Structures are given as C-alpha cells and as structure tokens.
Amino acid sequence: MKKYIYIAKGFLLERMVYRFSLFFNALEKYLYVLLIFFLWKAIYRSLGQESLSMDFKSTFTYLSLATAIFGLFQTWVDWDISQLMLSGDLSIILTKPLDFQVYMFFKRVSWVVLNLLTITLPILIILKFILKMPINLGINFIFFFLSVIISYLIYFNIDFIVGVTAFFTETIWGLSVTKDAVILFLSGGIVPIPLFPENLRRILEILPFKTIYHMPIEVLINRSFTIFDYLNSLIIQIFWLLVFLTLSRIYYKLTERFIRINGG
C-alpha cells in the first residue's frame, strides 16, 4: 500500500505545478453554476413555480451540487489510460509489480483532492453560507460524505471500463463523451430527477445512474429523510459499487489480450 501512497503523492505534486489549469478548471464550474442560475430563473419565470414539482431554490441547489460533484469526479481516468497506450508508457507500467487498476485509482485520487479544495468545497460554502440555499448540515452531512465517496468509486470503475476499451479500439473519444452525457443526464446532472416524467423516474429507479449524483444530493437536501433512508441509499450504492467493481475486474482481464503498444 505504501507504494501506491507514494504514487498518489507524486502525482499530487505534479498536478499542483499546473496552477493555471486548476484555476481555469474551477472557473469553468463557477461560471456553469452562474449559467444554471440565470437559465432556470428564466424557466421558472416563464412556466411559473406551480407548474414544476420543485421550487427554484431547490432546483438551483440540486443542479449546483451536481456541478460540484461532477467537478470533483472529473479526473479523466479513461483518457489517461488511452494516452498511456498510445504513447507506449503502458508497457512500462505493466512490467512493474503493481495492480494496474489500483495504480490508476491512486494516480487520479490526487486530482480528486485538488478538485475538492478548488471546486466542491467552495461551491458548498457559497450555496450554504452566502446564498442561504436549503442545504442541511447535520448527521446527514456524514452520510453525504460517505455517499460521495461511494459515488466516486462507482464513477471510477465506469471510467476504468471505458478506458481499457482503448486496448482494442485505440481511441475512446466518442465512447467517453457519450458516457459523460448519459451519466450526467440520467443521474440528474442536467435536469433534476424529480422533474422527470413519472414513467422515466420509475425506470431510473432500477438503473445505477442515480447513485452517482442524485443520491448524494438527496441525502444533503431532502429534509424528510430519516436514518433508515440514509442507510438504504448507502446500501443501494454499495450494491452497484460491487457490481461495477466486479465488471471492471473481469473486463480488464478480457481486454488485456488486445493490448497493442504504440510509441516507445
């Protein structure tokens, strides 16, 4: 485990060198939150509060939190794996006594730490203490923290599956963009799930996408949740985490035989 911690520390220091990249990545998310505010303000002004199942404050808070979580998870694991293969550096990593999936996790978890400090925490602070949005800070915050961790692990495994697909497709641009779009839309990152038509909401109840953005957000903003609801959410997330972890391990073993090293 010590070697993976050194890997995470090394890539954390490397990432901190690119301060302008960190700054503009965070600025992009802040501007997107501003866009959400004016866009949904116009939608509610046009349709009226009574025509939607959520009021403006709840919708804005929901989507702002989704942006904060998306910014936290944005580590480009899939793109990194693809570039490692195309550059030939993958061959160097695979000859080392490392578990490749664990290596990628610790390599990119340093990005999560920086995203937390530059994107997620500032947005949470602005929403709660400056804009006074309906965010609950009690025992639910502990469950929110745990829920976000599990959400990231689910997201990481999906990213890893997409990334190792590059072993036999070489390029994953279209697949990666499609993955991000599908997850964002079906997990409530673009439109809150409570605003979806009832039939579509029922379908999403049996799909894993809601575990990534919707569930952590619900834990933080839903005042009617009880301890049972918090625990139930975590159990559902853990179930899907085990599913995607198993799938990612099996899929990686299947794709290994297709590795073609380029560069050098």
C-alpha atoms as a PDB file:
ATOM      1  CA  MET A   1       0.000   0.000   0.000  1.00  0.00           C
ATOM      2  CA  LYS A   2       2.902   2.349   0.736  1.00  0.00           C
ATOM      3  CA  LYS A   3       3.986   2.342  -2.903  1.00  0.00           C
ATOM      4  CA  TYR A   4       0.515   3.478  -4.008  1.00  0.00           C
ATOM      5  CA  ILE A   5       0.557   6.304  -1.470  1.00  0.00           C
ATOM      6  CA  TYR A   6       3.887   7.478  -2.897  1.00  0.00           C
ATOM      7  CA  ILE A   7       2.343   7.336  -6.375  1.00  0.00           C
ATOM      8  CA  ALA A   8      -0.597   9.493  -5.240  1.00  0.00           C
ATOM      9  CA  LYS A   9       1.736  11.970  -3.552  1.00  0.00           C
ATOM     10  CA  GLY A  10       3.940  12.222  -6.639  1.00  0.00           C
ATOM     11  CA  PHE A  11       1.058  12.931  -8.984  1.00  0.00           C
ATOM     12  CA  LEU A  12      -0.438  15.400  -6.492  1.00  0.00           C
ATOM     13  CA  LEU A  13       2.781  17.437  -6.588  1.00  0.00           C
ATOM     14  CA  GLU A  14       2.868  17.153 -10.380  1.00  0.00           C
ATOM     15  CA  ARG A  15      -0.719  18.368 -10.707  1.00  0.00           C
ATOM     16  CA  MET A  16      -0.064  21.344  -8.413  1.00  0.00           C
ATOM     17  CA  VAL A  17       2.602  22.578 -10.834  1.00  0.00           C
ATOM     18  CA  TYR A  18      -0.141  23.400 -13.369  1.00  0.00           C
ATOM     19  CA  ARG A  19      -1.835  26.098 -11.303  1.00  0.00           C
ATOM     20  CA  PHE A  20      -3.459  27.842 -14.273  1.00  0.00           C
ATOM     21  CA  SER A  21      -5.069  24.559 -15.296  1.00  0.00           C
ATOM     22  CA  LEU A  22      -6.514  24.200 -11.792  1.00  0.00           C
ATOM     23  CA  PHE A  23      -7.709  27.789 -11.822  1.00  0.00           C
ATOM     24  CA  PHE A  24      -9.479  27.612 -15.176  1.00  0.00           C
ATOM     25  CA  ASN A  25     -10.975  24.200 -14.394  1.00  0.00           C
ATOM     26  CA  ALA A  26     -12.522  25.674 -11.242  1.00  0.00           C
ATOM     27  CA  LEU A  27     -13.564  28.876 -13.036  1.00  0.00           C
ATOM     28  CA  GLU A  28     -15.414  26.807 -15.629  1.00  0.00           C
ATOM     29  CA  LYS A  29     -17.534  25.189 -12.895  1.00  0.00           C
ATOM     30  CA  TYR A  30     -18.281  28.523 -11.185  1.00  0.00           C
ATOM     31  CA  LEU A  31     -19.429  30.006 -14.498  1.00  0.00           C
ATOM     32  CA  TYR A  32     -21.578  26.953 -15.134  1.00  0.00           C
ATOM     33  CA  VAL A  33     -23.290  27.436 -11.747  1.00  0.00           C
ATOM     34  CA  LEU A  34     -23.939  31.046 -12.751  1.00  0.00           C
ATOM     35  CA  LEU A  35     -25.414  29.826 -16.045  1.00  0.00           C
ATOM     36  CA  ILE A  36     -27.665  27.413 -14.142  1.00  0.00           C
ATOM     37  CA  PHE A  37     -28.954  30.275 -12.012  1.00  0.00           C
ATOM     38  CA  PHE A  38     -29.978  32.525 -14.921  1.00  0.00           C
ATOM     39  CA  LEU A  39     -31.235  29.678 -17.130  1.00  0.00           C
ATOM     40  CA  TRP A  40     -33.534  28.161 -14.513  1.00  0.00           C
ATOM     41  CA  LYS A  41     -34.586  31.597 -13.285  1.00  0.00           C
ATOM     42  CA  ALA A  42     -35.854  32.261 -16.807  1.00  0.00           C
ATOM     43  CA  ILE A  43     -37.541  28.822 -16.977  1.00  0.00           C
ATOM     44  CA  TYR A  44     -39.382  29.363 -13.689  1.00  0.00           C
ATOM     45  CA  ARG A  45     -40.346  32.904 -14.686  1.00  0.00           C
ATOM     46  CA  SER A  46     -41.796  31.533 -17.913  1.00  0.00           C
ATOM     47  CA  LEU A  47     -43.557  28.423 -16.537  1.00  0.00           C
ATOM     48  CA  GLY A  48     -44.337  29.567 -13.023  1.00  0.00           C
ATOM     49  CA  GLN A  49     -43.395  27.900  -9.725  1.00  0.00           C
ATOM     50  CA  GLU A  50     -46.622  25.902  -9.506  1.00  0.00           C
ATOM     51  CA  SER A  51     -46.060  24.078 -12.816  1.00  0.00           C
ATOM     52  CA  LEU A  52     -42.991  22.195 -11.566  1.00  0.00           C
ATOM     53  CA  SER A  53     -42.619  19.787  -8.657  1.00  0.00           C
ATOM     54  CA  MET A  54     -39.588  21.663  -7.245  1.00  0.00           C
ATOM     55  CA  ASP A  55     -39.263  25.363  -6.462  1.00  0.00           C
ATOM     56  CA  PHE A  56     -36.455  27.460  -7.927  1.00  0.00           C
ATOM     57  CA  LYS A  57     -34.217  27.354  -4.849  1.00  0.00           C
ATOM     58  CA  SER A  58     -34.392  23.567  -4.651  1.00  0.00           C
ATOM     59  CA  THR A  59     -33.687  23.166  -8.371  1.00  0.00           C
ATOM     60  CA  PHE A  60     -30.776  25.605  -8.333  1.00  0.00           C
ATOM     61  CA  THR A  61     -29.299  23.953  -5.230  1.00  0.00           C
ATOM     62  CA  TYR A  62     -29.721  20.481  -6.728  1.00  0.00           C
ATOM     63  CA  LEU A  63     -28.018  21.343 -10.023  1.00  0.00           C
ATOM     64  CA  SER A  64     -25.275  23.390  -8.364  1.00  0.00           C
ATOM     65  CA  LEU A  65     -24.450  20.435  -6.123  1.00  0.00           C
ATOM     66  CA  ALA A  66     -24.455  18.172  -9.181  1.00  0.00           C
ATOM     67  CA  THR A  67     -21.921  20.519 -10.783  1.00  0.00           C
ATOM     68  CA  ALA A  68     -19.792  20.474  -7.625  1.00  0.00           C
ATOM     69  CA  ILE A  69     -19.810  16.666  -7.562  1.00  0.00           C
ATOM     70  CA  PHE A  70     -19.150  16.430 -11.308  1.00  0.00           C
ATOM     71  CA  GLY A  71     -16.166  18.736 -10.843  1.00  0.00           C
ATOM     72  CA  LEU A  72     -14.947  16.515  -8.009  1.00  0.00           C
ATOM     73  CA  PHE A  73     -15.144  13.370 -10.154  1.00  0.00           C
ATOM     74  CA  GLN A  74     -13.611  14.898 -13.294  1.00  0.00           C
ATOM     75  CA  THR A  75     -10.225  13.151 -13.322  1.00  0.00           C
ATOM     76  CA  TRP A  76     -10.151  11.826 -16.916  1.00  0.00           C
ATOM     77  CA  VAL A  77      -9.138   8.287 -15.946  1.00  0.00           C
ATOM     78  CA  ASP A  78     -10.401   6.917 -19.264  1.00  0.00           C
ATOM     79  CA  TRP A  79      -8.439   9.468 -21.307  1.00  0.00           C
ATOM     80  CA  ASP A  80      -5.306   8.806 -19.263  1.00  0.00           C
ATOM     81  CA  ILE A  81      -5.450   5.055 -19.945  1.00  0.00           C
ATOM     82  CA  SER A  82      -5.942   5.710 -23.649  1.00  0.00           C
ATOM     83  CA  GLN A  83      -2.952   8.066 -23.779  1.00  0.00           C
ATOM     84  CA  LEU A  84      -0.775   5.608 -21.863  1.00  0.00           C
ATOM     85  CA  MET A  85      -1.439   3.009 -24.523  1.00  0.00           C
ATOM     86  CA  LEU A  86      -0.947   5.347 -27.466  1.00  0.00           C
ATOM     87  CA  SER A  87       2.326   6.727 -26.066  1.00  0.00           C
ATOM     88  CA  GLY A  88       3.718   3.309 -25.187  1.00  0.00           C
ATOM     89  CA  ASP A  89       4.106   4.176 -21.495  1.00  0.00           C
ATOM     90  CA  LEU A  90       1.586   1.459 -20.645  1.00  0.00           C
ATOM     91  CA  SER A  91       4.238  -1.206 -21.271  1.00  0.00           C
ATOM     92  CA  ILE A  92       6.456   0.340 -18.586  1.00  0.00           C
ATOM     93  CA  ILE A  93       3.643   0.370 -16.007  1.00  0.00           C
ATOM     94  CA  LEU A  94       2.557  -3.198 -16.743  1.00  0.00           C
ATOM     95  CA  THR A  95       6.078  -4.532 -16.129  1.00  0.00           C
ATOM     96  CA  LYS A  96       6.053  -3.131 -12.591  1.00  0.00           C
ATOM     97  CA  PRO A  97       4.719  -5.109  -9.588  1.00  0.00           C
ATOM     98  CA  LEU A  98       1.527  -3.047  -9.489  1.00  0.00           C
ATOM     99  CA  ASP A  99      -2.152  -3.731  -9.883  1.00  0.00           C
ATOM    100  CA  PHE A 100      -2.967  -1.518 -12.875  1.00  0.00           C
ATOM    101  CA  GLN A 101      -6.468  -0.619 -11.698  1.00  0.00           C
ATOM    102  CA  VAL A 102      -5.257   0.269  -8.199  1.00  0.00           C
ATOM    103  CA  TYR A 103      -2.393   2.230  -9.763  1.00  0.00           C
ATOM    104  CA  MET A 104      -4.833   4.299 -11.826  1.00  0.00           C
ATOM    105  CA  PHE A 105      -7.007   4.909  -8.772  1.00  0.00           C
ATOM    106  CA  PHE A 106      -4.183   6.295  -6.654  1.00  0.00           C
ATOM    107  CA  LYS A 107      -2.749   8.216  -9.594  1.00  0.00           C
ATOM    108  CA  ARG A 108      -6.004  10.099 -10.091  1.00  0.00           C
ATOM    109  CA  VAL A 109      -7.196  10.346  -6.478  1.00  0.00           C
ATOM    110  CA  SER A 110      -4.759  13.251  -6.091  1.00  0.00           C
ATOM    111  CA  TRP A 111      -6.875  15.116  -8.662  1.00  0.00           C
ATOM    112  CA  VAL A 112      -9.952  14.422  -6.546  1.00  0.00           C
ATOM    113  CA  VAL A 113      -8.276  16.074  -3.551  1.00  0.00           C
ATOM    114  CA  LEU A 114      -7.452  19.201  -5.560  1.00  0.00           C
ATOM    115  CA  ASN A 115     -10.923  19.287  -7.134  1.00  0.00           C
ATOM    116  CA  LEU A 116     -12.409  19.062  -3.639  1.00  0.00           C
ATOM    117  CA  LEU A 117     -10.428  22.078  -2.458  1.00  0.00           C
ATOM    118  CA  THR A 118     -10.865  24.235  -5.578  1.00  0.00           C
ATOM    119  CA  ILE A 119     -14.381  23.325  -6.758  1.00  0.00           C
ATOM    120  CA  THR A 120     -16.592  21.273  -4.462  1.00  0.00           C
ATOM    121  CA  LEU A 121     -15.971  22.897  -1.070  1.00  0.00           C
ATOM    122  CA  PRO A 122     -16.126  26.497  -2.409  1.00  0.00           C
ATOM    123  CA  ILE A 123     -19.447  25.801  -4.152  1.00  0.00           C
ATOM    124  CA  LEU A 124     -20.865  24.195  -0.988  1.00  0.00           C
ATOM    125  CA  ILE A 125     -19.765  27.167   1.115  1.00  0.00           C
ATOM    126  CA  ILE A 126     -21.221  29.681  -1.348  1.00  0.00           C
ATOM    127  CA  LEU A 127     -24.557  27.827  -1.537  1.00  0.00           C
ATOM    128  CA  LYS A 128     -24.972  27.359   2.199  1.00  0.00           C
ATOM    129  CA  PHE A 129     -23.455  30.422   3.833  1.00  0.00           C
ATOM    130  CA  ILE A 130     -23.630  33.147   1.174  1.00  0.00           C
ATOM    131  CA  LEU A 131     -26.722  32.323  -0.883  1.00  0.00           C
ATOM    132  CA  LYS A 132     -28.508  30.634   2.060  1.00  0.00           C
ATOM    133  CA  MET A 133     -29.749  27.761  -0.079  1.00  0.00           C
ATOM    134  CA  PRO A 134     -31.692  24.844   1.503  1.00  0.00           C
ATOM    135  CA  ILE A 135     -28.758  22.597   2.443  1.00  0.00           C
ATOM    136  CA  ASN A 136     -28.980  20.593   5.656  1.00  0.00           C
ATOM    137  CA  LEU A 137     -25.856  20.349   7.815  1.00  0.00           C
ATOM    138  CA  GLY A 138     -26.484  17.724  10.469  1.00  0.00           C
ATOM    139  CA  ILE A 139     -25.995  13.978  10.740  1.00  0.00           C
ATOM    140  CA  ASN A 140     -26.898  13.827   7.056  1.00  0.00           C
ATOM    141  CA  PHE A 141     -23.588  15.505   6.160  1.00  0.00           C
ATOM    142  CA  ILE A 142     -21.723  12.414   7.378  1.00  0.00           C
ATOM    143  CA  PHE A 143     -23.899  10.228   5.155  1.00  0.00           C
ATOM    144  CA  PHE A 144     -23.408  12.713   2.300  1.00  0.00           C
ATOM    145  CA  PHE A 145     -19.632  12.384   2.699  1.00  0.00           C
ATOM    146  CA  LEU A 146     -19.850   8.580   2.623  1.00  0.00           C
ATOM    147  CA  SER A 147     -22.277   8.685  -0.293  1.00  0.00           C
ATOM    148  CA  VAL A 148     -19.949  10.880  -2.362  1.00  0.00           C
ATOM    149  CA  ILE A 149     -17.022   8.518  -1.710  1.00  0.00           C
ATOM    150  CA  ILE A 150     -19.044   5.530  -2.924  1.00  0.00           C
ATOM    151  CA  SER A 151     -20.320   7.565  -5.897  1.00  0.00           C
ATOM    152  CA  TYR A 152     -16.757   8.345  -6.919  1.00  0.00           C
ATOM    153  CA  LEU A 153     -15.766   4.687  -6.670  1.00  0.00           C
ATOM    154  CA  ILE A 154     -18.684   3.769  -8.942  1.00  0.00           C
ATOM    155  CA  TYR A 155     -17.728   6.547 -11.371  1.00  0.00           C
ATOM    156  CA  PHE A 156     -14.071   5.490 -11.302  1.00  0.00           C
ATOM    157  CA  ASN A 157     -14.940   1.904 -12.225  1.00  0.00           C
ATOM    158  CA  ILE A 158     -17.118   3.072 -15.119  1.00  0.00           C
ATOM    159  CA  ASP A 159     -14.275   5.336 -16.256  1.00  0.00           C
ATOM    160  CA  PHE A 160     -11.841   2.441 -15.979  1.00  0.00           C
ATOM    161  CA  ILE A 161     -14.071   0.193 -18.104  1.00  0.00           C
ATOM    162  CA  VAL A 162     -14.254   2.888 -20.788  1.00  0.00           C
ATOM    163  CA  GLY A 163     -10.503   3.495 -20.531  1.00  0.00           C
ATOM    164  CA  VAL A 164      -9.380  -0.110 -21.022  1.00  0.00           C
ATOM    165  CA  THR A 165     -11.674  -0.333 -24.036  1.00  0.00           C
ATOM    166  CA  ALA A 166      -8.847   1.602 -25.721  1.00  0.00           C
ATOM    167  CA  PHE A 167      -6.818  -1.629 -25.603  1.00  0.00           C
ATOM    168  CA  PHE A 168      -8.643  -2.797 -28.713  1.00  0.00           C
ATOM    169  CA  THR A 169     -10.203   0.411 -30.100  1.00  0.00           C
ATOM    170  CA  GLU A 170      -7.157   2.696 -29.516  1.00  0.00           C
ATOM    171  CA  THR A 171      -9.329   5.801 -29.431  1.00  0.00           C
ATOM    172  CA  ILE A 172     -12.198   6.297 -26.965  1.00  0.00           C
ATOM    173  CA  TRP A 173     -13.223   9.883 -27.750  1.00  0.00           C
ATOM    174  CA  GLY A 174     -16.780   9.100 -28.841  1.00  0.00           C
ATOM    175  CA  LEU A 175     -17.335   6.496 -26.150  1.00  0.00           C
ATOM    176  CA  SER A 176     -16.032   8.799 -23.402  1.00  0.00           C
ATOM    177  CA  VAL A 177     -18.176  11.750 -24.482  1.00  0.00           C
ATOM    178  CA  THR A 178     -21.239   9.501 -24.720  1.00  0.00           C
ATOM    179  CA  LYS A 179     -20.526   8.068 -21.256  1.00  0.00           C
ATOM    180  CA  ASP A 180     -20.328  11.540 -19.691  1.00  0.00           C
ATOM    181  CA  ALA A 181     -23.524  12.695 -21.415  1.00  0.00           C
ATOM    182  CA  VAL A 182     -25.525   9.602 -20.442  1.00  0.00           C
ATOM    183  CA  ILE A 183     -24.393   9.679 -16.802  1.00  0.00           C
ATOM    184  CA  LEU A 184     -24.998  13.415 -16.449  1.00  0.00           C
ATOM    185  CA  PHE A 185     -28.498  13.260 -17.900  1.00  0.00           C
ATOM    186  CA  LEU A 186     -29.756  10.032 -16.306  1.00  0.00           C
ATOM    187  CA  SER A 187     -28.285  10.798 -12.879  1.00  0.00           C
ATOM    188  CA  GLY A 188     -29.844  14.243 -12.612  1.00  0.00           C
ATOM    189  CA  GLY A 189     -26.797  16.307 -13.508  1.00  0.00           C
ATOM    190  CA  ILE A 190     -28.600  18.313 -16.187  1.00  0.00           C
ATOM    191  CA  VAL A 191     -32.251  18.135 -15.114  1.00  0.00           C
ATOM    192  CA  PRO A 192     -33.174  17.101 -11.546  1.00  0.00           C
ATOM    193  CA  ILE A 193     -34.622  13.588 -11.456  1.00  0.00           C
ATOM    194  CA  PRO A 194     -37.751  14.767  -9.531  1.00  0.00           C
ATOM    195  CA  LEU A 195     -38.644  16.868 -12.605  1.00  0.00           C
ATOM    196  CA  PHE A 196     -38.558  13.843 -14.935  1.00  0.00           C
ATOM    197  CA  PRO A 197     -41.839  12.280 -16.109  1.00  0.00           C
ATOM    198  CA  GLU A 198     -43.099   9.640 -13.678  1.00  0.00           C
ATOM    199  CA  ASN A 199     -42.597   6.721 -16.093  1.00  0.00           C
ATOM    200  CA  LEU A 200     -38.973   7.694 -16.694  1.00  0.00           C
ATOM    201  CA  ARG A 201     -38.384   8.118 -12.945  1.00  0.00           C
ATOM    202  CA  ARG A 202     -39.592   4.554 -12.402  1.00  0.00           C
ATOM    203  CA  ILE A 203     -37.093   3.291 -14.977  1.00  0.00           C
ATOM    204  CA  LEU A 204     -34.261   5.245 -13.349  1.00  0.00           C
ATOM    205  CA  GLU A 205     -35.127   3.644 -10.002  1.00  0.00           C
ATOM    206  CA  ILE A 206     -33.793   0.295 -11.269  1.00  0.00           C
ATOM    207  CA  LEU A 207     -30.767   1.732 -13.102  1.00  0.00           C
ATOM    208  CA  PRO A 208     -27.416   2.565 -11.455  1.00  0.00           C
ATOM    209  CA  PHE A 209     -27.076   6.131 -12.739  1.00  0.00           C
ATOM    210  CA  LYS A 210     -28.948   7.803  -9.873  1.00  0.00           C
ATOM    211  CA  THR A 211     -26.301   6.523  -7.436  1.00  0.00           C
ATOM    212  CA  ILE A 212     -23.706   8.909  -8.879  1.00  0.00           C
ATOM    213  CA  TYR A 213     -25.259  12.362  -8.480  1.00  0.00           C
ATOM    214  CA  HIS A 214     -28.880  12.080  -7.377  1.00  0.00           C
ATOM    215  CA  MET A 215     -28.423  10.004  -4.226  1.00  0.00           C
ATOM    216  CA  PRO A 216     -25.690  12.122  -2.586  1.00  0.00           C
ATOM    217  CA  ILE A 217     -27.669  15.280  -3.375  1.00  0.00           C
ATOM    218  CA  GLU A 218     -30.876  13.842  -1.925  1.00  0.00           C
ATOM    219  CA  VAL A 219     -29.028  12.945   1.267  1.00  0.00           C
ATOM    220  CA  LEU A 220     -27.895  16.558   1.610  1.00  0.00           C
ATOM    221  CA  ILE A 221     -31.062  18.468   0.703  1.00  0.00           C
ATOM    222  CA  ASN A 222     -34.026  16.194   1.452  1.00  0.00           C
ATOM    223  CA  ARG A 223     -35.313  17.256   4.887  1.00  0.00           C
ATOM    224  CA  SER A 224     -37.766  14.352   5.111  1.00  0.00           C
ATOM    225  CA  PHE A 225     -35.024  11.705   5.063  1.00  0.00           C
ATOM    226  CA  THR A 226     -34.633   9.524   8.149  1.00  0.00           C
ATOM    227  CA  ILE A 227     -31.676   7.408   9.282  1.00  0.00           C
ATOM    228  CA  PHE A 228     -33.333   4.483   7.513  1.00  0.00           C
ATOM    229  CA  ASP A 229     -33.410   6.445   4.241  1.00  0.00           C
ATOM    230  CA  TYR A 230     -29.719   7.361   4.580  1.00  0.00           C
ATOM    231  CA  LEU A 231     -28.746   3.744   5.242  1.00  0.00           C
ATOM    232  CA  ASN A 232     -30.950   2.496   2.412  1.00  0.00           C
ATOM    233  CA  SER A 233     -29.235   4.889  -0.015  1.00  0.00           C
ATOM    234  CA  LEU A 234     -25.794   3.682   1.069  1.00  0.00           C
ATOM    235  CA  ILE A 235     -26.806   0.029   0.702  1.00  0.00           C
ATOM    236  CA  ILE A 236     -28.040   0.631  -2.852  1.00  0.00           C
ATOM    237  CA  GLN A 237     -24.818   2.465  -3.715  1.00  0.00           C
ATOM    238  CA  ILE A 238     -22.644  -0.279  -2.218  1.00  0.00           C
ATOM    239  CA  PHE A 239     -24.559  -2.871  -4.267  1.00  0.00           C
ATOM    240  CA  TRP A 240     -23.876  -1.039  -7.529  1.00  0.00           C
ATOM    241  CA  LEU A 241     -20.270  -0.403  -6.498  1.00  0.00           C
ATOM    242  CA  LEU A 242     -19.726  -4.154  -6.099  1.00  0.00           C
ATOM    243  CA  VAL A 243     -21.394  -4.753  -9.473  1.00  0.00           C
ATOM    244  CA  PHE A 244     -19.186  -2.271 -11.331  1.00  0.00           C
ATOM    245  CA  LEU A 245     -16.037  -3.308  -9.457  1.00  0.00           C
ATOM    246  CA  THR A 246     -16.640  -6.919 -10.478  1.00  0.00           C
ATOM    247  CA  LEU A 247     -17.396  -5.920 -14.069  1.00  0.00           C
ATOM    248  CA  SER A 248     -14.287  -3.736 -14.291  1.00  0.00           C
ATOM    249  CA  ARG A 249     -12.005  -6.510 -12.997  1.00  0.00           C
ATOM    250  CA  ILE A 250     -13.451  -9.080 -15.412  1.00  0.00           C
ATOM    251  CA  TYR A 251     -13.443  -6.668 -18.357  1.00  0.00           C
ATOM    252  CA  TYR A 252      -9.822  -5.672 -17.724  1.00  0.00           C
ATOM    253  CA  LYS A 253      -8.748  -9.316 -17.819  1.00  0.00           C
ATOM    254  CA  LEU A 254     -10.609  -9.782 -21.099  1.00  0.00           C
ATOM    255  CA  THR A 255      -9.111  -6.684 -22.741  1.00  0.00           C
ATOM    256  CA  GLU A 256      -5.508  -7.370 -21.684  1.00  0.00           C
ATOM    257  CA  ARG A 257      -5.033  -9.757 -24.613  1.00  0.00           C
ATOM    258  CA  PHE A 258      -5.826  -6.929 -27.062  1.00  0.00           C
ATOM    259  CA  ILE A 259      -3.092  -4.562 -25.821  1.00  0.00           C
ATOM    260  CA  ARG A 260      -1.064  -3.156 -28.712  1.00  0.00           C
ATOM    261  CA  ILE A 261       1.716  -0.865 -27.535  1.00  0.00           C
ATOM    262  CA  ASN A 262       2.444   2.160 -29.700  1.00  0.00           C
ATOM    263  CA  GLY A 263       5.201   4.723 -29.328  1.00  0.00           C
ATOM    264  CA  GLY A 264       8.114   3.829 -27.072  1.00  0.00           C
END
